[in-house]
């Protein structure tokens, strides 16, 4: 049976107020289609345009079974490669083709890839707050729900929600934060949480590339007594060579990769064992096909996976993360976000959180669908993000 691509569409929806992009590939077999995540929230319209104006003409009439060939062709078709926009467009196509592959085989993807090595994936949740007490109360609530790993933040990324020094006259508006206050408050945060909860719960922290490299190394060292599960995105992608210095200075485990889009950003970090967890946004690197290869590469160097999984990954992207998690021997942890009833109505078949673990169903493919009529009820906002305009106290623009 020859199964060919007939149509490639982008569906944009925001049931949680966060713009999501979903690709739907329709085939010449009635009722057979696949879904994939192409979510690049900050530029979702550009991704949707690329899907419908470039991906569809490129792919129409192609055999759905040739996933690797289609991935390679779509990667080089624009000549310039590895941009976050085109990688996300390609990811939506790639995930949708894998979804179709599983449906044709009548197997969930975890079975298609060799079967489970675990029944569920351990997750971590976010505990943020404007005071130490508020953060602690959220930690307590998660622990009571059975969550074993919790990310601690105090006042948002870089502590931007705490009191800041006065700005210079005429300073440009932006998301201001104080690097020094952030460092000092983060140490106080971990000291207070360990004092309150002891060491029978795992804690991690996201630096979000907010510090200069030497400051990041100093903070990593200062956090050593509190035994972090990992320290995330301590450096910007442009500064990855500094990880060699960090590795020599601290034994705090390092997670990196949320902003990666190109293999050259992670190859040396992995081969030199400079990080402990790879944390890419799967749609930003081009989908399931490169993510499977990346996980296998990491396994050879004892580096664990911790795929990006906040609210700006669609439930379809989370389902893809989960099928990878269930089949990767070197799985480490999965970031997890809460979905309201709205999202579960738009995306029937969502992975399910029980205690500190997430489970998928045993339906063929990704095991998740989209209700397009429900999706239309939640249009995406076209406003530009403001939090990415991060600035230090003197007004200097900083990495967000």
Protein backbone atom coordinates (compact mmCIF):
# COMPACT_ATOMS: atom_id res chain seq x y z
CA UNK A 1 0.00 0.00 0.00
CA UNK A 2 1.45 3.34 -1.08
CA UNK A 3 0.72 6.02 1.51
CA UNK A 4 1.53 9.53 0.35
CA UNK A 5 1.37 13.00 1.85
CA UNK A 6 -1.60 14.98 0.54
CA UNK A 7 -1.66 18.01 2.80
CA UNK A 8 0.52 19.68 5.45
CA UNK A 9 -1.20 22.20 7.74
CA UNK A 10 -0.26 24.38 10.71
CA UNK A 11 -2.75 24.65 13.57
CA UNK A 12 -2.12 27.45 16.07
CA UNK A 13 -3.87 27.40 19.42
CA UNK A 14 -3.32 28.71 22.97
CA UNK A 15 -5.57 26.97 25.51
CA UNK A 16 -3.22 28.01 28.37
CA UNK A 17 -2.52 31.47 26.89
CA UNK A 18 0.77 30.25 25.38
CA UNK A 19 1.01 30.07 21.57
CA UNK A 20 1.39 26.48 20.33
CA UNK A 21 2.00 25.31 16.76
CA UNK A 22 0.84 21.85 15.68
CA UNK A 23 1.47 20.24 12.28
CA UNK A 24 -1.15 17.96 10.79
CA UNK A 25 -0.12 15.76 7.87
CA UNK A 26 -3.04 14.29 5.95
CA UNK A 27 -2.50 11.30 3.65
CA UNK A 28 -4.19 9.70 0.65
CA UNK A 29 -5.65 7.07 2.99
CA UNK A 30 -8.99 8.25 4.40
CA UNK A 31 -8.77 9.07 8.10
CA UNK A 32 -5.00 8.49 8.32
CA UNK A 33 -3.10 11.53 9.55
CA UNK A 34 -0.25 12.41 11.88
CA UNK A 35 0.39 15.20 14.37
CA UNK A 36 3.61 16.91 15.41
CA UNK A 37 4.78 19.78 17.59
CA UNK A 38 6.39 22.81 15.92
CA UNK A 39 6.05 25.19 18.84
CA UNK A 40 8.32 28.22 18.81
CA UNK A 41 6.11 30.45 20.93
CA UNK A 42 8.01 33.69 20.47
CA UNK A 43 7.76 33.53 16.62
CA UNK A 44 4.85 31.17 16.06
CA UNK A 45 3.48 32.97 13.00
CA UNK A 46 6.79 32.64 11.17
CA UNK A 47 6.86 28.90 11.83
CA UNK A 48 3.27 28.49 10.65
CA UNK A 49 4.10 30.41 7.46
CA UNK A 50 7.09 28.17 6.76
CA UNK A 51 5.00 25.03 7.25
CA UNK A 52 2.22 25.99 4.88
CA UNK A 53 4.23 27.90 2.26
CA UNK A 54 7.41 25.82 2.09
CA UNK A 55 6.93 22.44 3.78
CA UNK A 56 3.67 21.54 2.08
CA UNK A 57 4.90 22.18 -1.50
CA UNK A 58 8.12 20.32 -0.70
CA UNK A 59 6.43 17.26 0.77
CA UNK A 60 3.19 16.82 -1.13
CA UNK A 61 3.16 13.45 -2.87
CA UNK A 62 6.07 12.01 -0.85
CA UNK A 63 5.89 8.54 0.72
CA UNK A 64 5.19 8.85 4.44
CA UNK A 65 7.41 5.86 5.22
CA UNK A 66 10.65 7.58 4.16
CA UNK A 67 11.12 9.55 7.36
CA UNK A 68 14.92 9.76 7.33
CA UNK A 69 15.08 10.81 3.68
CA UNK A 70 12.35 13.42 4.17
CA UNK A 71 14.12 14.80 7.25
CA UNK A 72 17.45 15.14 5.41
CA UNK A 73 15.79 16.65 2.34
CA UNK A 74 13.78 19.19 4.33
CA UNK A 75 16.86 20.17 6.33
CA UNK A 76 18.92 21.08 3.24
CA UNK A 77 16.10 22.37 1.02
CA UNK A 78 16.42 26.00 2.25
CA UNK A 79 20.24 25.71 1.89
CA UNK A 80 20.87 27.61 5.18
CA UNK A 81 20.30 25.15 7.99
CA UNK A 82 19.55 24.82 11.69
CA UNK A 83 17.56 27.97 12.34
CA UNK A 84 14.99 27.70 15.15
CA UNK A 85 12.18 28.66 12.77
CA UNK A 86 12.88 26.03 10.12
CA UNK A 87 13.92 23.42 12.67
CA UNK A 88 10.54 23.79 14.37
CA UNK A 89 8.71 23.54 11.06
CA UNK A 90 10.70 20.40 10.27
CA UNK A 91 10.01 19.01 13.74
CA UNK A 92 6.27 19.25 13.23
CA UNK A 93 6.59 17.28 10.01
CA UNK A 94 8.98 14.73 11.52
CA UNK A 95 6.82 14.01 14.57
CA UNK A 96 3.72 13.73 12.39
CA UNK A 97 5.43 11.19 10.14
CA UNK A 98 6.48 9.12 13.15
CA UNK A 99 2.90 9.33 14.42
CA UNK A 100 1.70 7.95 11.08
CA UNK A 101 4.39 5.25 11.13
CA UNK A 102 3.13 4.04 14.50
CA UNK A 103 -0.47 4.07 13.32
CA UNK A 104 0.40 2.02 10.22
CA UNK A 105 2.27 -0.49 12.39
CA UNK A 106 -0.57 -0.41 14.96
CA UNK A 107 2.05 0.18 17.66
CA UNK A 108 2.80 2.99 20.11
CA UNK A 109 6.12 4.59 19.25
CA UNK A 110 7.80 3.21 22.36
CA UNK A 111 7.12 -0.31 21.03
CA UNK A 112 8.20 0.62 17.51
CA UNK A 113 11.55 1.76 18.94
CA UNK A 114 12.25 -1.43 20.86
CA UNK A 115 9.94 -1.31 23.84
CA UNK A 116 9.92 0.29 27.27
CA UNK A 117 12.84 0.25 29.66
CA UNK A 118 10.62 1.84 32.34
CA UNK A 119 6.86 2.12 32.87
CA UNK A 120 6.78 5.86 33.50
CA UNK A 121 9.06 8.88 33.54
CA UNK A 122 10.02 10.72 36.72
CA UNK A 123 9.31 14.44 36.45
CA UNK A 124 10.27 17.66 38.17
CA UNK A 125 7.94 20.55 38.95
CA UNK A 126 8.57 24.29 39.38
CA UNK A 127 8.41 25.95 42.81
CA UNK A 128 8.77 29.72 42.51
CA UNK A 129 7.69 32.53 44.79
CA UNK A 130 8.27 36.06 46.01
CA UNK A 131 9.40 34.91 49.47
CA UNK A 132 11.23 31.95 50.95
CA UNK A 133 8.08 30.93 52.78
CA UNK A 134 6.04 30.97 49.57
CA UNK A 135 8.60 28.82 47.75
CA UNK A 136 8.72 26.43 50.70
CA UNK A 137 4.94 26.05 50.80
CA UNK A 138 4.93 25.12 47.11
CA UNK A 139 7.69 22.58 47.70
CA UNK A 140 5.62 21.12 50.53
CA UNK A 141 2.57 20.82 48.30
CA UNK A 142 4.52 19.04 45.56
CA UNK A 143 6.10 16.65 48.03
CA UNK A 144 2.66 15.77 49.37
CA UNK A 145 1.63 14.94 45.79
CA UNK A 146 4.55 12.52 45.47
CA UNK A 147 6.91 14.69 43.40
CA UNK A 148 10.51 13.73 44.12
CA UNK A 149 12.42 16.42 42.18
CA UNK A 150 11.56 20.13 42.41
CA UNK A 151 13.07 23.16 40.71
CA UNK A 152 13.60 26.10 43.08
CA UNK A 153 13.42 29.71 41.90
CA UNK A 154 13.13 32.85 43.98
CA UNK A 155 11.40 35.78 42.30
CA UNK A 156 11.59 34.44 38.74
CA UNK A 157 14.60 34.09 36.46
CA UNK A 158 17.45 36.19 37.81
CA UNK A 159 15.27 37.19 40.75
CA UNK A 160 13.63 39.83 38.56
CA UNK A 161 10.60 40.09 40.85
CA UNK A 162 12.58 41.18 43.92
CA UNK A 163 13.53 44.75 44.86
CA UNK A 164 16.06 46.28 42.45
CA UNK A 165 18.52 49.20 42.64
CA UNK A 166 17.45 52.50 41.11
CA UNK A 167 17.81 52.73 37.33
CA UNK A 168 19.69 55.54 35.60
CA UNK A 169 17.62 58.45 34.35
CA UNK A 170 16.13 57.66 30.97
CA UNK A 171 16.72 53.91 31.28
CA UNK A 172 14.88 51.85 28.66
CA UNK A 173 11.95 49.74 29.87
CA UNK A 174 12.59 46.04 30.25
CA UNK A 175 12.63 43.01 32.55
CA UNK A 176 15.25 44.27 35.01
CA UNK A 177 17.15 42.07 37.44
CA UNK A 178 20.18 42.45 39.72
CA UNK A 179 22.87 39.76 39.16
CA UNK A 180 24.41 40.23 42.60
CA UNK A 181 21.10 40.06 44.46
CA UNK A 182 20.15 37.03 42.39
CA UNK A 183 23.32 35.16 43.41
CA UNK A 184 23.01 35.99 47.09
CA UNK A 185 19.29 35.20 47.23
CA UNK A 186 19.75 31.89 45.43
CA UNK A 187 22.23 30.67 48.04
CA UNK A 188 19.83 31.79 50.79
CA UNK A 189 17.00 29.97 49.00
CA UNK A 190 18.79 26.64 48.95
CA UNK A 191 20.04 27.05 52.49
CA UNK A 192 16.47 27.68 53.70
CA UNK A 193 14.94 24.81 51.70
CA UNK A 194 17.53 22.29 52.93
CA UNK A 195 17.02 23.49 56.48
CA UNK A 196 13.25 23.03 56.12
CA UNK A 197 13.14 19.79 54.10
CA UNK A 198 16.50 18.10 54.58
CA UNK A 199 18.10 15.99 51.84
CA UNK A 200 15.34 13.46 51.16
CA UNK A 201 14.03 15.51 48.24
CA UNK A 202 15.96 16.48 45.10
CA UNK A 203 16.30 20.16 44.15
CA UNK A 204 17.43 21.77 40.89
CA UNK A 205 17.74 25.37 39.70
CA UNK A 206 17.61 27.25 36.38
CA UNK A 207 20.18 30.04 36.02
CA UNK A 208 18.74 30.87 32.56
CA UNK A 209 22.10 32.24 31.31
CA UNK A 210 21.65 35.34 33.52
CA UNK A 211 25.23 35.62 34.85
CA UNK A 212 28.67 36.25 33.43
CA UNK A 213 30.61 32.97 33.11
CA UNK A 214 32.89 33.53 36.12
CA UNK A 215 29.88 34.52 38.25
CA UNK A 216 28.08 31.35 37.14
CA UNK A 217 31.08 29.23 38.18
CA UNK A 218 31.17 30.95 41.56
CA UNK A 219 27.46 30.31 42.15
CA UNK A 220 27.82 26.66 41.11
CA UNK A 221 30.55 26.28 43.73
CA UNK A 222 28.54 28.09 46.40
CA UNK A 223 25.61 25.72 45.83
CA UNK A 224 27.69 22.56 46.30
CA UNK A 225 26.74 22.04 49.99
CA UNK A 226 23.06 21.81 49.00
CA UNK A 227 23.54 18.85 46.64
CA UNK A 228 21.62 19.91 43.53
CA UNK A 229 20.09 17.37 41.18
CA UNK A 230 21.34 19.72 38.48
CA UNK A 231 22.08 23.36 37.71
CA UNK A 232 20.43 24.32 34.44
CA UNK A 233 21.64 26.64 31.66
CA UNK A 234 24.45 28.16 33.72
CA UNK A 235 25.93 29.64 30.53
CA UNK A 236 24.65 30.98 27.23
CA UNK A 237 25.18 28.88 24.07
CA UNK A 238 27.71 31.48 22.94
CA UNK A 239 29.81 30.73 26.04
CA UNK A 240 29.95 26.93 26.03
CA UNK A 241 33.77 26.85 26.06
CA UNK A 242 33.53 28.09 29.65
CA UNK A 243 32.11 24.70 30.66
CA UNK A 244 35.67 23.35 30.63
CA UNK A 245 36.54 25.80 33.40
CA UNK A 246 33.32 25.06 35.25
CA UNK A 247 33.99 21.31 35.19
CA UNK A 248 37.40 21.87 36.76
CA UNK A 249 35.97 24.04 39.54
CA UNK A 250 32.76 22.34 40.73
CA UNK A 251 31.09 18.96 41.12
CA UNK A 252 27.56 20.42 40.85
CA UNK A 253 25.80 18.46 38.03
CA UNK A 254 25.18 20.59 34.93
CA UNK A 255 22.19 20.52 32.55
CA UNK A 256 22.45 22.43 29.27
CA UNK A 257 20.80 22.83 25.91
CA UNK A 258 17.42 24.58 26.04
CA UNK A 259 18.50 27.09 23.38
CA UNK A 260 20.53 24.70 21.21
CA UNK A 261 19.58 24.37 17.53
CA UNK A 262 22.80 23.06 15.93
CA UNK A 263 24.77 19.82 16.55
CA UNK A 264 28.02 21.73 16.87
CA UNK A 265 26.64 23.30 20.05
CA UNK A 266 26.45 19.97 21.87
CA UNK A 267 28.99 17.60 20.31
CA UNK A 268 32.02 18.81 22.28
CA UNK A 269 30.06 19.18 25.51
CA UNK A 270 29.05 15.54 25.22
CA UNK A 271 32.30 14.04 23.95
CA UNK A 272 34.34 15.86 26.61
CA UNK A 273 31.79 14.99 29.32
CA UNK A 274 31.40 18.65 30.29
CA UNK A 275 27.69 18.35 31.09
CA UNK A 276 25.58 15.74 32.89
CA UNK A 277 22.14 16.27 31.29
CA UNK A 278 21.20 17.27 27.74
CA UNK A 279 18.17 19.58 27.85
CA UNK A 280 17.19 20.49 24.31
CA UNK A 281 13.78 21.66 23.15
CA UNK A 282 13.11 18.76 20.78
CA UNK A 283 11.21 20.79 18.20
CA UNK A 284 14.04 23.37 18.10
CA UNK A 285 16.54 20.73 16.92
CA UNK A 286 14.23 19.30 14.25
CA UNK A 287 12.07 16.69 15.95
CA UNK A 288 12.16 13.06 16.99
CA UNK A 289 14.65 11.87 14.36
CA UNK A 290 17.60 13.99 15.61
CA UNK A 291 16.51 13.64 19.26
CA UNK A 292 16.78 9.83 19.10
CA UNK A 293 20.26 10.13 17.64
CA UNK A 294 21.22 12.67 20.29
CA UNK A 295 20.01 10.42 23.12
CA UNK A 296 22.05 7.51 21.77
CA UNK A 297 25.15 9.71 21.46
CA UNK A 298 24.69 10.85 25.06
CA UNK A 299 24.35 7.26 26.28
CA UNK A 300 27.88 6.49 25.07
CA UNK A 301 29.23 9.24 27.36
CA UNK A 302 27.00 8.57 30.41
CA UNK A 303 25.02 11.78 29.90
CA UNK A 304 21.33 11.66 30.75
CA UNK A 305 18.36 13.21 28.93
CA UNK A 306 16.19 15.95 30.43
CA UNK A 307 14.16 17.22 27.48
CA UNK A 308 12.73 20.76 27.70
CA UNK A 309 9.11 20.50 28.85
CA UNK A 310 7.49 23.78 29.98
CA UNK A 311 4.17 25.26 28.87
CA UNK A 312 5.58 26.28 25.49
CA UNK A 313 5.89 22.64 24.47
CA UNK A 314 2.52 21.42 23.23
CA UNK A 315 0.94 18.27 24.69
CA UNK A 316 1.93 16.61 21.41
CA UNK A 317 5.54 17.60 22.04
CA UNK A 318 5.23 16.27 25.59
CA UNK A 319 3.94 12.98 24.20
CA UNK A 320 7.00 12.78 21.93
CA UNK A 321 9.24 13.51 24.93
CA UNK A 322 7.55 10.71 26.82
CA UNK A 323 7.96 8.06 24.14
CA UNK A 324 11.66 8.96 24.01
CA UNK A 325 11.85 8.81 27.81
CA UNK A 326 10.32 5.34 27.96
CA UNK A 327 12.81 3.89 25.48
CA UNK A 328 16.06 5.71 26.35
CA UNK A 329 18.18 3.77 28.86
CA UNK A 330 19.97 7.02 29.79
CA UNK A 331 16.79 8.97 30.61
CA UNK A 332 17.35 11.32 33.55
CA UNK A 333 14.31 13.48 34.33
CA UNK A 334 11.42 15.20 32.55
CA UNK A 335 10.31 18.79 33.13
CA UNK A 336 6.54 18.93 33.55
CA UNK A 337 3.83 21.60 33.37
CA UNK A 338 0.21 21.56 34.50
CA UNK A 339 -2.52 21.28 31.87
CA UNK A 340 -6.00 22.54 32.57
CA UNK A 341 -9.17 20.87 31.37
CA UNK A 342 -9.06 23.20 28.34
CA UNK A 343 -5.81 21.68 27.07
CA UNK A 344 -7.01 18.16 27.74
CA UNK A 345 -10.13 18.90 25.70
CA UNK A 346 -8.12 20.33 22.81
CA UNK A 347 -5.60 17.47 22.97
CA UNK A 348 -7.39 14.23 23.92
CA UNK A 349 -4.95 11.51 24.96
CA UNK A 350 -2.53 13.75 26.88
CA UNK A 351 0.12 11.98 28.97
CA UNK A 352 -1.05 11.67 32.58
CA UNK A 353 0.75 12.77 35.75
CA UNK A 354 0.34 10.48 38.77
CA UNK A 355 2.39 11.45 41.79
CA UNK A 356 5.92 12.13 40.59
CA UNK A 357 5.61 10.10 37.37
CA UNK A 358 4.07 10.61 33.92
CA UNK A 359 2.45 7.83 31.89
CA UNK A 360 1.36 7.54 28.25
CA UNK A 361 -1.46 5.44 26.81
CA UNK A 362 -0.91 2.44 24.55
CA UNK A 363 -2.62 3.82 21.45
CA UNK A 364 -0.72 3.61 18.13
CA UNK A 365 1.72 6.36 17.23
CA UNK A 366 2.05 9.22 19.71
CA UNK A 367 -1.31 8.28 21.23
CA UNK A 368 -2.60 11.86 21.21
CA UNK A 369 -5.07 13.74 19.00
CA UNK A 370 -6.30 17.29 18.43
CA UNK A 371 -9.86 18.59 18.46
CA UNK A 372 -9.66 21.34 15.87
CA UNK A 373 -13.02 22.88 16.74
CA UNK A 374 -11.95 23.22 20.38
CA UNK A 375 -8.54 24.55 19.31
CA UNK A 376 -10.23 27.41 17.45
CA UNK A 377 -11.71 28.66 20.72
CA UNK A 378 -8.24 29.65 21.94
CA UNK A 379 -6.55 31.92 19.38
CA UNK A 380 -2.91 32.89 19.84
CA UNK A 381 -1.92 36.40 20.82
CA UNK A 382 0.39 38.19 18.38
CA UNK A 383 1.97 40.38 21.08
CA UNK A 384 5.74 40.22 21.34
CA UNK A 385 7.14 38.77 24.59
CA UNK A 386 8.44 41.27 27.14
CA UNK A 387 10.38 38.98 29.50
CA UNK A 388 13.03 38.40 26.81
CA UNK A 389 14.00 42.08 27.11
CA UNK A 390 16.15 41.34 30.18
CA UNK A 391 18.29 44.18 31.53
CA UNK A 392 20.80 44.66 34.34
CA UNK A 393 20.37 47.51 36.87
CA UNK A 394 22.25 50.03 34.71
CA UNK A 395 20.04 49.28 31.71
CA UNK A 396 22.43 47.01 29.79
CA UNK A 397 20.61 44.39 27.74
CA UNK A 398 21.32 40.85 28.97
CA UNK A 399 20.65 37.27 27.91
CA UNK A 400 17.05 36.37 28.81
